[in-house]
Amino acid sequence: MKAGITCCDPRGNVMSNLQASGTTTTPNVAVGPAGRALAQPMDPALLDALQQHLTMERRASAFYFANALWFGERELRGFSKFFHGESQSESTHAASFADYLVARGQTVQLEEIGAPRQSWESFEEVMAASFLLEADVTASLQQLYSLAERSSDTRTTVFLDPIMEGQIQSEHEFAHLLGRVRFAGEQAAALLILDAELAEGNNNPYYLGERFSNG
């Protein structure tokens, strides 16, 4: 630090409290609902939106698990494996949001998620509903990002950055799979080829660049 420049803390003269002063007074530390140390209060609207998004991720996990069952009942093991993996991924996302709320000194509110849909008329209908769910998740993340920026909550924007990038990729992959299912129609031979690819974990679109390519 250059001479003549004073370091200022936005929370007040905190740095001076770290200097030896001969006092034994314990510094005041803000705490959250559960008594955990709170570095920065969270805007109520942002907090509510984070709680709602956590619920959305849990619903997505249940929805994809139901899809895994639906395809498994029709002997399409590749599709079933794919959706089972997506269900686990969404559950992990929900846990990440719960961890973040705890890290921010908040209490996680778990809401009822209800039973997911388990009846479909066609393969295309399942994939279309799944793609639209991914689009809804993306929209929710965009709303969270906007709320965080408006409340100058840099901690939350940093938390959301890698999640947002992964979500865009997931949306792209579901659009790819929907397109392939539409191309296959209800032809068993074509669907079995796609099912075999999914069983091997080959569910990514072809990438011309390297940003999202995994080889």
Protein backbone atom coordinates (compact mmCIF):
# COMPACT_ATOMS: atom_id res chain seq x y z
CA MET A 1 0.00 0.00 0.00
CA LYS A 2 1.38 3.43 -0.92
CA ALA A 3 2.11 5.96 1.79
CA GLY A 4 -0.74 8.32 2.48
CA ILE A 5 -3.45 5.89 1.37
CA THR A 6 -5.76 4.68 4.12
CA CYS A 7 -7.45 1.27 3.96
CA CYS A 8 -11.16 1.60 4.51
CA ASP A 9 -13.55 -1.26 5.36
CA PRO A 10 -17.19 -0.98 4.13
CA ARG A 11 -18.46 -2.39 7.44
CA GLY A 12 -16.81 0.31 9.47
CA ASN A 13 -13.41 0.61 11.14
CA VAL A 14 -13.01 -3.16 11.53
CA MET A 15 -9.30 -3.23 10.81
CA SER A 16 -8.59 -1.06 13.84
CA ASN A 17 -10.22 -3.68 16.06
CA LEU A 18 -7.54 -6.17 14.98
CA GLN A 19 -4.78 -4.02 16.41
CA ALA A 20 -3.60 -4.58 19.96
CA SER A 21 -5.47 -2.16 22.21
CA GLY A 22 -5.31 -3.80 25.61
CA THR A 23 -9.05 -4.54 25.64
CA THR A 24 -10.68 -7.98 25.97
CA THR A 25 -14.02 -6.97 24.42
CA THR A 26 -15.30 -9.57 21.93
CA PRO A 27 -16.03 -8.01 18.53
CA ASN A 28 -19.67 -7.95 17.49
CA VAL A 29 -20.43 -10.51 14.77
CA ALA A 30 -23.75 -10.60 12.97
CA VAL A 31 -25.44 -14.01 12.91
CA GLY A 32 -28.08 -15.67 10.75
CA PRO A 33 -31.31 -17.43 11.81
CA ALA A 34 -29.43 -20.51 13.08
CA GLY A 35 -26.79 -18.46 14.88
CA ARG A 36 -24.12 -18.90 12.20
CA ALA A 37 -21.69 -16.03 11.57
CA LEU A 38 -22.99 -13.73 8.85
CA ALA A 39 -20.45 -11.85 6.71
CA GLN A 40 -23.02 -10.05 4.52
CA PRO A 41 -26.80 -9.87 4.94
CA MET A 42 -28.76 -11.26 2.01
CA ASP A 43 -31.48 -9.32 0.24
CA PRO A 44 -34.86 -10.91 1.16
CA ALA A 45 -35.97 -11.15 -2.48
CA LEU A 46 -32.73 -12.88 -3.45
CA LEU A 47 -32.96 -15.24 -0.50
CA ASP A 48 -36.52 -16.20 -1.42
CA ALA A 49 -35.51 -16.77 -5.06
CA LEU A 50 -32.60 -19.00 -4.00
CA GLN A 51 -34.94 -21.06 -1.84
CA GLN A 52 -37.38 -21.40 -4.75
CA HIS A 53 -34.62 -22.45 -7.12
CA LEU A 54 -33.47 -25.12 -4.70
CA THR A 55 -37.03 -26.49 -4.78
CA MET A 56 -36.98 -26.38 -8.58
CA GLU A 57 -33.79 -28.48 -8.66
CA ARG A 58 -35.36 -31.05 -6.33
CA ARG A 59 -38.45 -31.23 -8.54
CA ALA A 60 -36.26 -31.67 -11.61
CA SER A 61 -34.47 -34.55 -9.90
CA ALA A 62 -37.77 -36.30 -9.16
CA PHE A 63 -39.01 -35.61 -12.70
CA TYR A 64 -35.94 -37.14 -14.31
CA PHE A 65 -36.07 -40.15 -11.97
CA ALA A 66 -39.65 -40.75 -13.11
CA ASN A 67 -38.46 -40.51 -16.73
CA ALA A 68 -35.75 -43.09 -16.00
CA LEU A 69 -38.45 -45.44 -14.74
CA TRP A 70 -40.68 -44.76 -17.77
CA PHE A 71 -37.92 -45.66 -20.24
CA GLY A 72 -36.78 -48.62 -18.14
CA GLU A 73 -40.28 -50.06 -18.25
CA ARG A 74 -40.05 -49.96 -22.06
CA GLU A 75 -36.68 -51.78 -22.22
CA LEU A 76 -34.79 -48.66 -23.29
CA ARG A 77 -31.86 -48.98 -20.92
CA GLY A 78 -29.80 -46.21 -22.51
CA PHE A 79 -32.52 -43.60 -22.07
CA SER A 80 -33.16 -44.88 -18.55
CA LYS A 81 -29.46 -44.61 -17.67
CA PHE A 82 -29.29 -41.09 -19.10
CA PHE A 83 -32.26 -39.82 -17.10
CA HIS A 84 -31.07 -41.55 -13.95
CA GLY A 85 -27.81 -39.64 -14.30
CA GLU A 86 -29.71 -36.40 -14.88
CA SER A 87 -31.75 -37.05 -11.74
CA GLN A 88 -28.58 -37.48 -9.69
CA SER A 89 -27.11 -34.35 -11.25
CA GLU A 90 -30.13 -32.24 -10.31
CA SER A 91 -30.00 -33.62 -6.77
CA THR A 92 -26.36 -32.54 -6.58
CA HIS A 93 -27.33 -29.07 -7.83
CA ALA A 94 -29.97 -28.80 -5.11
CA ALA A 95 -27.38 -29.79 -2.51
CA SER A 96 -25.01 -27.11 -3.84
CA PHE A 97 -27.65 -24.42 -3.34
CA ALA A 98 -28.35 -25.75 0.15
CA ASP A 99 -24.63 -25.65 0.96
CA TYR A 100 -24.41 -22.09 -0.32
CA LEU A 101 -27.34 -20.92 1.79
CA VAL A 102 -25.76 -22.49 4.88
CA ALA A 103 -22.43 -20.85 4.02
CA ARG A 104 -24.24 -17.51 3.89
CA GLY A 105 -25.68 -18.07 7.38
CA GLN A 106 -29.21 -18.84 6.18
CA THR A 107 -31.63 -21.62 7.08
CA VAL A 108 -32.65 -23.92 4.21
CA GLN A 109 -36.42 -24.19 3.79
CA LEU A 110 -37.44 -27.56 2.28
CA GLU A 111 -40.80 -27.48 0.51
CA GLU A 112 -43.02 -30.31 -0.67
CA ILE A 113 -42.29 -31.20 -4.29
CA GLY A 114 -45.18 -33.57 -5.10
CA ALA A 115 -45.19 -36.60 -7.38
CA PRO A 116 -43.81 -36.06 -10.91
CA ARG A 117 -45.66 -36.93 -14.10
CA GLN A 118 -45.25 -40.59 -15.12
CA SER A 119 -47.55 -40.97 -18.12
CA TRP A 120 -46.53 -39.99 -21.66
CA GLU A 121 -47.96 -40.50 -25.13
CA SER A 122 -44.68 -40.57 -27.05
CA PHE A 123 -40.90 -40.42 -26.74
CA GLU A 124 -40.90 -36.96 -28.26
CA GLU A 125 -43.31 -35.72 -25.59
CA VAL A 126 -40.95 -36.83 -22.82
CA MET A 127 -37.94 -35.17 -24.42
CA ALA A 128 -39.85 -31.96 -25.21
CA ALA A 129 -41.01 -31.66 -21.59
CA SER A 130 -37.44 -32.27 -20.41
CA PHE A 131 -36.04 -29.58 -22.69
CA LEU A 132 -38.65 -27.07 -21.49
CA LEU A 133 -37.73 -27.89 -17.90
CA GLU A 134 -34.09 -27.11 -18.64
CA ALA A 135 -35.18 -23.81 -20.21
CA ASP A 136 -37.15 -22.99 -17.03
CA VAL A 137 -34.10 -23.74 -14.88
CA THR A 138 -32.00 -21.43 -17.05
CA ALA A 139 -34.59 -18.65 -16.69
CA SER A 140 -34.58 -19.11 -12.91
CA LEU A 141 -30.78 -18.83 -12.80
CA GLN A 142 -30.93 -15.66 -14.91
CA GLN A 143 -33.41 -14.17 -12.45
CA LEU A 144 -31.13 -15.07 -9.55
CA TYR A 145 -28.18 -13.42 -11.28
CA SER A 146 -30.17 -10.24 -11.89
CA LEU A 147 -31.35 -10.09 -8.27
CA ALA A 148 -27.79 -10.62 -7.03
CA GLU A 149 -26.44 -7.84 -9.23
CA ARG A 150 -29.19 -5.43 -8.15
CA SER A 151 -28.37 -6.03 -4.49
CA SER A 152 -24.60 -5.86 -5.11
CA ASP A 153 -24.21 -9.42 -3.84
CA THR A 154 -20.95 -10.40 -5.54
CA ARG A 155 -20.72 -13.59 -3.48
CA THR A 156 -23.84 -14.90 -5.19
CA THR A 157 -22.81 -13.92 -8.73
CA VAL A 158 -19.48 -15.71 -8.22
CA PHE A 159 -21.37 -18.78 -6.97
CA LEU A 160 -23.71 -18.71 -9.96
CA ASP A 161 -21.11 -18.20 -12.72
CA PRO A 162 -20.03 -21.85 -13.22
CA ILE A 163 -23.58 -23.11 -12.64
CA MET A 164 -24.89 -20.84 -15.39
CA GLU A 165 -22.30 -22.04 -17.89
CA GLY A 166 -23.06 -25.69 -17.12
CA GLN A 167 -26.79 -25.04 -17.44
CA ILE A 168 -26.38 -23.53 -20.91
CA GLN A 169 -24.50 -26.67 -21.95
CA SER A 170 -27.21 -28.90 -20.48
CA GLU A 171 -29.89 -26.97 -22.35
CA HIS A 172 -27.91 -27.46 -25.56
CA GLU A 173 -27.61 -31.23 -24.97
CA PHE A 174 -31.35 -31.63 -24.38
CA ALA A 175 -32.12 -29.66 -27.54
CA HIS A 176 -29.80 -32.04 -29.41
CA LEU A 177 -31.50 -35.14 -28.00
CA LEU A 178 -34.96 -33.75 -28.70
CA GLY A 179 -33.94 -33.13 -32.30
CA ARG A 180 -32.66 -36.68 -32.69
CA VAL A 181 -35.79 -38.20 -31.16
CA ARG A 182 -37.92 -36.10 -33.51
CA PHE A 183 -35.83 -37.26 -36.45
CA ALA A 184 -36.26 -40.91 -35.37
CA GLY A 185 -40.00 -40.52 -35.00
CA GLU A 186 -41.55 -43.65 -33.52
CA GLN A 187 -39.31 -45.98 -35.55
CA ALA A 188 -38.07 -48.71 -33.20
CA ALA A 189 -34.80 -49.30 -35.09
CA ALA A 190 -33.80 -45.64 -34.98
CA LEU A 191 -34.71 -45.30 -31.30
CA LEU A 192 -32.70 -48.43 -30.43
CA ILE A 193 -29.62 -46.93 -32.10
CA LEU A 194 -30.02 -43.76 -30.05
CA ASP A 195 -30.66 -45.85 -26.95
CA ALA A 196 -27.41 -47.75 -27.50
CA GLU A 197 -25.50 -44.47 -27.82
CA LEU A 198 -26.98 -43.21 -24.55
CA ALA A 199 -26.08 -46.47 -22.84
CA GLU A 200 -22.44 -45.76 -23.78
CA GLY A 201 -22.69 -42.20 -22.46
CA ASN A 202 -22.67 -40.63 -25.92
CA ASN A 203 -25.28 -37.91 -25.52
CA ASN A 204 -23.37 -34.78 -26.56
CA PRO A 205 -23.97 -32.81 -29.74
CA TYR A 206 -21.08 -32.31 -32.15
CA TYR A 207 -19.07 -29.21 -31.31
CA LEU A 208 -17.21 -27.20 -33.93
CA GLY A 209 -15.25 -25.33 -31.28
CA GLU A 210 -13.53 -26.37 -28.08
CA ARG A 211 -15.43 -24.38 -25.43
CA PHE A 212 -17.82 -27.18 -24.49
CA SER A 213 -16.20 -30.07 -26.34
CA ASN A 214 -15.26 -33.09 -24.26
CA GLY A 215 -13.54 -35.02 -27.02
